[in-house]
Amino acid sequence: MHDGVFFEDHGVPTATVLSSEFVRAASAQAEALGATDYRPIVVPHPIQTLTREEVRALADKAFDEIVRGLTA
């Protein structure tokens, strides 16, 4: 969250992706940084046990949202 908010504050579009386990922590960090409107892209947790193909499938599902984050 810190990097995403930092870059957005400096005019660099970002798309922060995190797993659902970290939504509350990310929200708290965004609030602490004064960026309550910053919305990360959330994928299902856990991801560390997934195969390369499963991670690729998650990325494919999140692709449109990631592009929106980078171009909006």
PDB file of N, CA and C in Angstrom:
ATOM      1  N   MET A   1       0.810  -1.180   0.000  1.00  0.00           N
ATOM      2  CA  MET A   1       0.000   0.000   0.000  1.00  0.00           C
ATOM      3  C   MET A   1       0.861   1.254   0.000  1.00  0.00           C
ATOM      4  N   HIS A   2       1.922   1.240   0.805  1.00  0.00           N
ATOM      5  CA  HIS A   2       2.755   2.444   0.873  1.00  0.00           C
ATOM      6  C   HIS A   2       3.282   2.831  -0.511  1.00  0.00           C
ATOM      7  N   ASP A   3       3.806   1.859  -1.240  1.00  0.00           N
ATOM      8  CA  ASP A   3       4.355   2.173  -2.561  1.00  0.00           C
ATOM      9  C   ASP A   3       3.264   2.659  -3.501  1.00  0.00           C
ATOM     10  N   GLY A   4       2.130   1.976  -3.512  1.00  0.00           N
ATOM     11  CA  GLY A   4       1.038   2.380  -4.390  1.00  0.00           C
ATOM     12  C   GLY A   4       0.574   3.789  -4.109  1.00  0.00           C
ATOM     13  N   VAL A   5       0.367   4.104  -2.854  1.00  0.00           N
ATOM     14  CA  VAL A   5      -0.073   5.450  -2.475  1.00  0.00           C
ATOM     15  C   VAL A   5       1.009   6.471  -2.809  1.00  0.00           C
ATOM     16  N   PHE A   6       2.256   6.145  -2.521  1.00  0.00           N
ATOM     17  CA  PHE A   6       3.361   7.058  -2.830  1.00  0.00           C
ATOM     18  C   PHE A   6       3.380   7.401  -4.320  1.00  0.00           C
ATOM     19  N   PHE A   7       3.351   6.364  -5.165  1.00  0.00           N
ATOM     20  CA  PHE A   7       3.426   6.613  -6.605  1.00  0.00           C
ATOM     21  C   PHE A   7       2.193   7.357  -7.109  1.00  0.00           C
ATOM     22  N   GLU A   8       1.013   6.992  -6.624  1.00  0.00           N
ATOM     23  CA  GLU A   8      -0.192   7.712  -7.033  1.00  0.00           C
ATOM     24  C   GLU A   8      -0.101   9.183  -6.633  1.00  0.00           C
ATOM     25  N   ASP A   9       0.394   9.441  -5.427  1.00  0.00           N
ATOM     26  CA  ASP A   9       0.560  10.824  -4.967  1.00  0.00           C
ATOM     27  C   ASP A   9       1.531  11.605  -5.854  1.00  0.00           C
ATOM     28  N   HIS A  10       2.429  10.897  -6.524  1.00  0.00           N
ATOM     29  CA  HIS A  10       3.409  11.536  -7.400  1.00  0.00           C
ATOM     30  C   HIS A  10       3.043  11.400  -8.880  1.00  0.00           C
ATOM     31  N   GLY A  11       1.774  11.095  -9.138  1.00  0.00           N
ATOM     32  CA  GLY A  11       1.277  11.083 -10.505  1.00  0.00           C
ATOM     33  C   GLY A  11       1.572   9.846 -11.322  1.00  0.00           C
ATOM     34  N   VAL A  12       2.032   8.786 -10.659  1.00  0.00           N
ATOM     35  CA  VAL A  12       2.329   7.539 -11.370  1.00  0.00           C
ATOM     36  C   VAL A  12       1.193   6.552 -11.097  1.00  0.00           C
ATOM     37  N   PRO A  13       0.434   6.182 -12.122  1.00  0.00           N
ATOM     38  CA  PRO A  13      -0.669   5.239 -11.904  1.00  0.00           C
ATOM     39  C   PRO A  13      -0.152   3.893 -11.383  1.00  0.00           C
ATOM     40  N   THR A  14      -0.881   3.330 -10.455  1.00  0.00           N
ATOM     41  CA  THR A  14      -0.493   2.036  -9.889  1.00  0.00           C
ATOM     42  C   THR A  14      -1.686   1.104  -9.820  1.00  0.00           C
ATOM     43  N   ALA A  15      -1.372  -0.159  -9.653  1.00  0.00           N
ATOM     44  CA  ALA A  15      -2.389  -1.178  -9.426  1.00  0.00           C
ATOM     45  C   ALA A  15      -1.825  -2.122  -8.377  1.00  0.00           C
ATOM     46  N   THR A  16      -2.121  -1.858  -7.141  1.00  0.00           N
ATOM     47  CA  THR A  16      -1.643  -2.686  -6.049  1.00  0.00           C
ATOM     48  C   THR A  16      -2.520  -3.929  -5.952  1.00  0.00           C
ATOM     49  N   VAL A  17      -1.890  -5.090  -6.014  1.00  0.00           N
ATOM     50  CA  VAL A  17      -2.612  -6.361  -5.945  1.00  0.00           C
ATOM     51  C   VAL A  17      -2.241  -7.035  -4.634  1.00  0.00           C
ATOM     52  N   LEU A  18      -3.265  -7.483  -3.911  1.00  0.00           N
ATOM     53  CA  LEU A  18      -3.022  -8.184  -2.655  1.00  0.00           C
ATOM     54  C   LEU A  18      -4.039  -9.301  -2.492  1.00  0.00           C
ATOM     55  N   SER A  19      -3.709 -10.244  -1.624  1.00  0.00           N
ATOM     56  CA  SER A  19      -4.653 -11.334  -1.390  1.00  0.00           C
ATOM     57  C   SER A  19      -5.655 -10.929  -0.309  1.00  0.00           C
ATOM     58  N   SER A  20      -6.784 -11.585  -0.319  1.00  0.00           N
ATOM     59  CA  SER A  20      -7.907 -11.217   0.551  1.00  0.00           C
ATOM     60  C   SER A  20      -7.547 -11.225   2.035  1.00  0.00           C
ATOM     61  N   GLU A  21      -6.534 -11.959   2.412  1.00  0.00           N
ATOM     62  CA  GLU A  21      -6.093 -12.005   3.811  1.00  0.00           C
ATOM     63  C   GLU A  21      -5.624 -10.642   4.308  1.00  0.00           C
ATOM     64  N   PHE A  22      -5.198  -9.772   3.396  1.00  0.00           N
ATOM     65  CA  PHE A  22      -4.566  -8.517   3.783  1.00  0.00           C
ATOM     66  C   PHE A  22      -5.437  -7.284   3.546  1.00  0.00           C
ATOM     67  N   VAL A  23      -6.715  -7.491   3.285  1.00  0.00           N
ATOM     68  CA  VAL A  23      -7.609  -6.360   3.007  1.00  0.00           C
ATOM     69  C   VAL A  23      -7.710  -5.420   4.201  1.00  0.00           C
ATOM     70  N   ARG A  24      -7.907  -5.958   5.380  1.00  0.00           N
ATOM     71  CA  ARG A  24      -8.039  -5.091   6.574  1.00  0.00           C
ATOM     72  C   ARG A  24      -6.755  -4.318   6.837  1.00  0.00           C
ATOM     73  N   ALA A  25      -5.620  -4.982   6.741  1.00  0.00           N
ATOM     74  CA  ALA A  25      -4.339  -4.308   6.967  1.00  0.00           C
ATOM     75  C   ALA A  25      -4.106  -3.229   5.913  1.00  0.00           C
ATOM     76  N   ALA A  26      -4.440  -3.533   4.672  1.00  0.00           N
ATOM     77  CA  ALA A  26      -4.268  -2.554   3.595  1.00  0.00           C
ATOM     78  C   ALA A  26      -5.170  -1.348   3.811  1.00  0.00           C
ATOM     79  N   SER A  27      -6.384  -1.591   4.243  1.00  0.00           N
ATOM     80  CA  SER A  27      -7.312  -0.497   4.513  1.00  0.00           C
ATOM     81  C   SER A  27      -6.792   0.394   5.636  1.00  0.00           C
ATOM     82  N   ALA A  28      -6.264  -0.225   6.681  1.00  0.00           N
ATOM     83  CA  ALA A  28      -5.709   0.539   7.805  1.00  0.00           C
ATOM     84  C   ALA A  28      -4.502   1.356   7.343  1.00  0.00           C
ATOM     85  N   GLN A  29      -3.658   0.783   6.509  1.00  0.00           N
ATOM     86  CA  GLN A  29      -2.502   1.515   6.004  1.00  0.00           C
ATOM     87  C   GLN A  29      -2.927   2.687   5.126  1.00  0.00           C
ATOM     88  N   ALA A  30      -3.899   2.436   4.258  1.00  0.00           N
ATOM     89  CA  ALA A  30      -4.387   3.513   3.389  1.00  0.00           C
ATOM     90  C   ALA A  30      -4.945   4.657   4.225  1.00  0.00           C
ATOM     91  N   GLU A  31      -5.695   4.320   5.255  1.00  0.00           N
ATOM     92  CA  GLU A  31      -6.259   5.354   6.130  1.00  0.00           C
ATOM     93  C   GLU A  31      -5.144   6.130   6.825  1.00  0.00           C
ATOM     94  N   ALA A  32      -4.139   5.414   7.323  1.00  0.00           N
ATOM     95  CA  ALA A  32      -3.025   6.073   8.004  1.00  0.00           C
ATOM     96  C   ALA A  32      -2.259   7.000   7.058  1.00  0.00           C
ATOM     97  N   LEU A  33      -2.272   6.673   5.776  1.00  0.00           N
ATOM     98  CA  LEU A  33      -1.573   7.481   4.776  1.00  0.00           C
ATOM     99  C   LEU A  33      -2.456   8.583   4.196  1.00  0.00           C
ATOM    100  N   GLY A  34      -3.689   8.664   4.678  1.00  0.00           N
ATOM    101  CA  GLY A  34      -4.609   9.681   4.180  1.00  0.00           C
ATOM    102  C   GLY A  34      -5.130   9.379   2.785  1.00  0.00           C
ATOM    103  N   ALA A  35      -5.162   8.101   2.438  1.00  0.00           N
ATOM    104  CA  ALA A  35      -5.571   7.693   1.088  1.00  0.00           C
ATOM    105  C   ALA A  35      -6.762   6.737   1.164  1.00  0.00           C
ATOM    106  N   THR A  36      -7.815   7.170   1.830  1.00  0.00           N
ATOM    107  CA  THR A  36      -8.959   6.282   2.040  1.00  0.00           C
ATOM    108  C   THR A  36      -9.680   5.916   0.746  1.00  0.00           C
ATOM    109  N   ASP A  37      -9.461   6.659  -0.330  1.00  0.00           N
ATOM    110  CA  ASP A  37     -10.077   6.332  -1.618  1.00  0.00           C
ATOM    111  C   ASP A  37      -9.238   5.360  -2.447  1.00  0.00           C
ATOM    112  N   TYR A  38      -8.036   5.076  -2.018  1.00  0.00           N
ATOM    113  CA  TYR A  38      -7.157   4.170  -2.770  1.00  0.00           C
ATOM    114  C   TYR A  38      -7.680   2.750  -2.647  1.00  0.00           C
ATOM    115  N   ARG A  39      -7.917   2.103  -3.773  1.00  0.00           N
ATOM    116  CA  ARG A  39      -8.494   0.764  -3.785  1.00  0.00           C
ATOM    117  C   ARG A  39      -7.538  -0.245  -4.409  1.00  0.00           C
ATOM    118  N   PRO A  40      -7.058  -1.188  -3.613  1.00  0.00           N
ATOM    119  CA  PRO A  40      -6.207  -2.240  -4.177  1.00  0.00           C
ATOM    120  C   PRO A  40      -7.062  -3.273  -4.931  1.00  0.00           C
ATOM    121  N   ILE A  41      -6.410  -4.077  -5.708  1.00  0.00           N
ATOM    122  CA  ILE A  41      -7.058  -5.177  -6.407  1.00  0.00           C
ATOM    123  C   ILE A  41      -6.853  -6.413  -5.543  1.00  0.00           C
ATOM    124  N   VAL A  42      -7.948  -7.095  -5.237  1.00  0.00           N
ATOM    125  CA  VAL A  42      -7.902  -8.211  -4.295  1.00  0.00           C
ATOM    126  C   VAL A  42      -8.104  -9.530  -5.037  1.00  0.00           C
ATOM    127  N   VAL A  43      -7.193 -10.471  -4.769  1.00  0.00           N
ATOM    128  CA  VAL A  43      -7.309 -11.824  -5.297  1.00  0.00           C
ATOM    129  C   VAL A  43      -7.496 -12.775  -4.112  1.00  0.00           C
ATOM    130  N   PRO A  44      -8.041 -13.963  -4.357  1.00  0.00           N
ATOM    131  CA  PRO A  44      -8.268 -14.903  -3.252  1.00  0.00           C
ATOM    132  C   PRO A  44      -6.968 -15.329  -2.557  1.00  0.00           C
ATOM    133  N   HIS A  45      -7.097 -15.566  -1.274  1.00  0.00           N
ATOM    134  CA  HIS A  45      -5.984 -16.051  -0.446  1.00  0.00           C
ATOM    135  C   HIS A  45      -6.185 -17.541  -0.228  1.00  0.00           C
ATOM    136  N   PRO A  46      -5.177 -18.326  -0.122  1.00  0.00           N
ATOM    137  CA  PRO A  46      -3.751 -18.036  -0.225  1.00  0.00           C
ATOM    138  C   PRO A  46      -3.273 -18.132  -1.670  1.00  0.00           C
ATOM    139  N   ILE A  47      -2.112 -17.543  -1.921  1.00  0.00           N
ATOM    140  CA  ILE A  47      -1.532 -17.654  -3.257  1.00  0.00           C
ATOM    141  C   ILE A  47      -0.196 -18.408  -3.251  1.00  0.00           C
ATOM    142  N   GLN A  48       0.450 -18.495  -2.096  1.00  0.00           N
ATOM    143  CA  GLN A  48       1.785 -19.093  -2.056  1.00  0.00           C
ATOM    144  C   GLN A  48       1.794 -20.580  -2.402  1.00  0.00           C
ATOM    145  N   THR A  49       0.671 -21.254  -2.274  1.00  0.00           N
ATOM    146  CA  THR A  49       0.627 -22.691  -2.577  1.00  0.00           C
ATOM    147  C   THR A  49       0.193 -22.975  -4.010  1.00  0.00           C
ATOM    148  N   LEU A  50      -0.106 -21.936  -4.770  1.00  0.00           N
ATOM    149  CA  LEU A  50      -0.608 -22.125  -6.125  1.00  0.00           C
ATOM    150  C   LEU A  50       0.512 -22.454  -7.108  1.00  0.00           C
ATOM    151  N   THR A  51       0.152 -23.167  -8.145  1.00  0.00           N
ATOM    152  CA  THR A  51       1.098 -23.434  -9.222  1.00  0.00           C
ATOM    153  C   THR A  51       1.226 -22.190 -10.093  1.00  0.00           C
ATOM    154  N   ARG A  52       2.197 -22.192 -10.946  1.00  0.00           N
ATOM    155  CA  ARG A  52       2.390 -21.084 -11.875  1.00  0.00           C
ATOM    156  C   ARG A  52       1.133 -20.875 -12.719  1.00  0.00           C
ATOM    157  N   GLU A  53       0.524 -21.957 -13.154  1.00  0.00           N
ATOM    158  CA  GLU A  53      -0.674 -21.868 -13.975  1.00  0.00           C
ATOM    159  C   GLU A  53      -1.856 -21.281 -13.187  1.00  0.00           C
ATOM    160  N   GLU A  54      -1.978 -21.646 -11.917  1.00  0.00           N
ATOM    161  CA  GLU A  54      -3.050 -21.110 -11.081  1.00  0.00           C
ATOM    162  C   GLU A  54      -2.859 -19.615 -10.816  1.00  0.00           C
ATOM    163  N   VAL A  55      -1.619 -19.202 -10.612  1.00  0.00           N
ATOM    164  CA  VAL A  55      -1.340 -17.777 -10.419  1.00  0.00           C
ATOM    165  C   VAL A  55      -1.650 -17.020 -11.708  1.00  0.00           C
ATOM    166  N   ARG A  56      -1.283 -17.601 -12.823  1.00  0.00           N
ATOM    167  CA  ARG A  56      -1.582 -16.974 -14.110  1.00  0.00           C
ATOM    168  C   ARG A  56      -3.092 -16.815 -14.293  1.00  0.00           C
ATOM    169  N   ALA A  57      -3.866 -17.812 -13.875  1.00  0.00           N
ATOM    170  CA  ALA A  57      -5.327 -17.732 -13.976  1.00  0.00           C
ATOM    171  C   ALA A  57      -5.867 -16.600 -13.096  1.00  0.00           C
ATOM    172  N   LEU A  58      -5.314 -16.431 -11.889  1.00  0.00           N
ATOM    173  CA  LEU A  58      -5.723 -15.314 -11.028  1.00  0.00           C
ATOM    174  C   LEU A  58      -5.409 -13.984 -11.693  1.00  0.00           C
ATOM    175  N   ALA A  59      -4.236 -13.891 -12.279  1.00  0.00           N
ATOM    176  CA  ALA A  59      -3.850 -12.662 -12.966  1.00  0.00           C
ATOM    177  C   ALA A  59      -4.771 -12.390 -14.147  1.00  0.00           C
ATOM    178  N   ASP A  60      -5.119 -13.429 -14.868  1.00  0.00           N
ATOM    179  CA  ASP A  60      -6.038 -13.252 -15.995  1.00  0.00           C
ATOM    180  C   ASP A  60      -7.385 -12.714 -15.526  1.00  0.00           C
ATOM    181  N   LYS A  61      -7.871 -13.224 -14.406  1.00  0.00           N
ATOM    182  CA  LYS A  61      -9.158 -12.756 -13.864  1.00  0.00           C
ATOM    183  C   LYS A  61      -9.087 -11.302 -13.411  1.00  0.00           C
ATOM    184  N   ALA A  62      -7.938 -10.895 -12.903  1.00  0.00           N
ATOM    185  CA  ALA A  62      -7.772  -9.532 -12.386  1.00  0.00           C
ATOM    186  C   ALA A  62      -7.294  -8.555 -13.454  1.00  0.00           C
ATOM    187  N   PHE A  63      -6.980  -9.037 -14.643  1.00  0.00           N
ATOM    188  CA  PHE A  63      -6.347  -8.219 -15.679  1.00  0.00           C
ATOM    189  C   PHE A  63      -7.104  -6.928 -15.975  1.00  0.00           C
ATOM    190  N   ASP A  64      -8.393  -7.017 -16.235  1.00  0.00           N
ATOM    191  CA  ASP A  64      -9.161  -5.807 -16.586  1.00  0.00           C
ATOM    192  C   ASP A  64      -9.122  -4.778 -15.470  1.00  0.00           C
ATOM    193  N   GLU A  65      -9.232  -5.241 -14.246  1.00  0.00           N
ATOM    194  CA  GLU A  65      -9.194  -4.320 -13.104  1.00  0.00           C
ATOM    195  C   GLU A  65      -7.801  -3.688 -12.961  1.00  0.00           C
ATOM    196  N   ILE A  66      -6.769  -4.461 -13.223  1.00  0.00           N
ATOM    197  CA  ILE A  66      -5.410  -3.931 -13.169  1.00  0.00           C
ATOM    198  C   ILE A  66      -5.232  -2.845 -14.237  1.00  0.00           C
ATOM    199  N   VAL A  67      -5.689  -3.125 -15.440  1.00  0.00           N
ATOM    200  CA  VAL A  67      -5.581  -2.132 -16.532  1.00  0.00           C
ATOM    201  C   VAL A  67      -6.342  -0.863 -16.167  1.00  0.00           C
ATOM    202  N   ARG A  68      -7.543  -1.012 -15.596  1.00  0.00           N
ATOM    203  CA  ARG A  68      -8.301   0.170 -15.165  1.00  0.00           C
ATOM    204  C   ARG A  68      -7.520   0.984 -14.152  1.00  0.00           C
ATOM    205  N   GLY A  69      -6.873   0.278 -13.199  1.00  0.00           N
ATOM    206  CA  GLY A  69      -6.079   0.976 -12.195  1.00  0.00           C
ATOM    207  C   GLY A  69      -4.915   1.746 -12.783  1.00  0.00           C
ATOM    208  N   LEU A  70      -4.372   1.244 -13.863  1.00  0.00           N
ATOM    209  CA  LEU A  70      -3.217   1.886 -14.481  1.00  0.00           C
ATOM    210  C   LEU A  70      -3.602   2.967 -15.486  1.00  0.00           C
ATOM    211  N   THR A  71      -4.830   2.954 -15.947  1.00  0.00           N
ATOM    212  CA  THR A  71      -5.210   3.899 -16.999  1.00  0.00           C
ATOM    213  C   THR A  71      -6.298   4.885 -16.598  1.00  0.00           C
ATOM    214  N   ALA A  72      -6.906   4.700 -15.444  1.00  0.00           N
ATOM    215  CA  ALA A  72      -7.998   5.601 -15.029  1.00  0.00           C
ATOM    216  C   ALA A  72      -7.454   6.857 -14.379  1.00  0.00           C
TER     217      ALA A  72
END
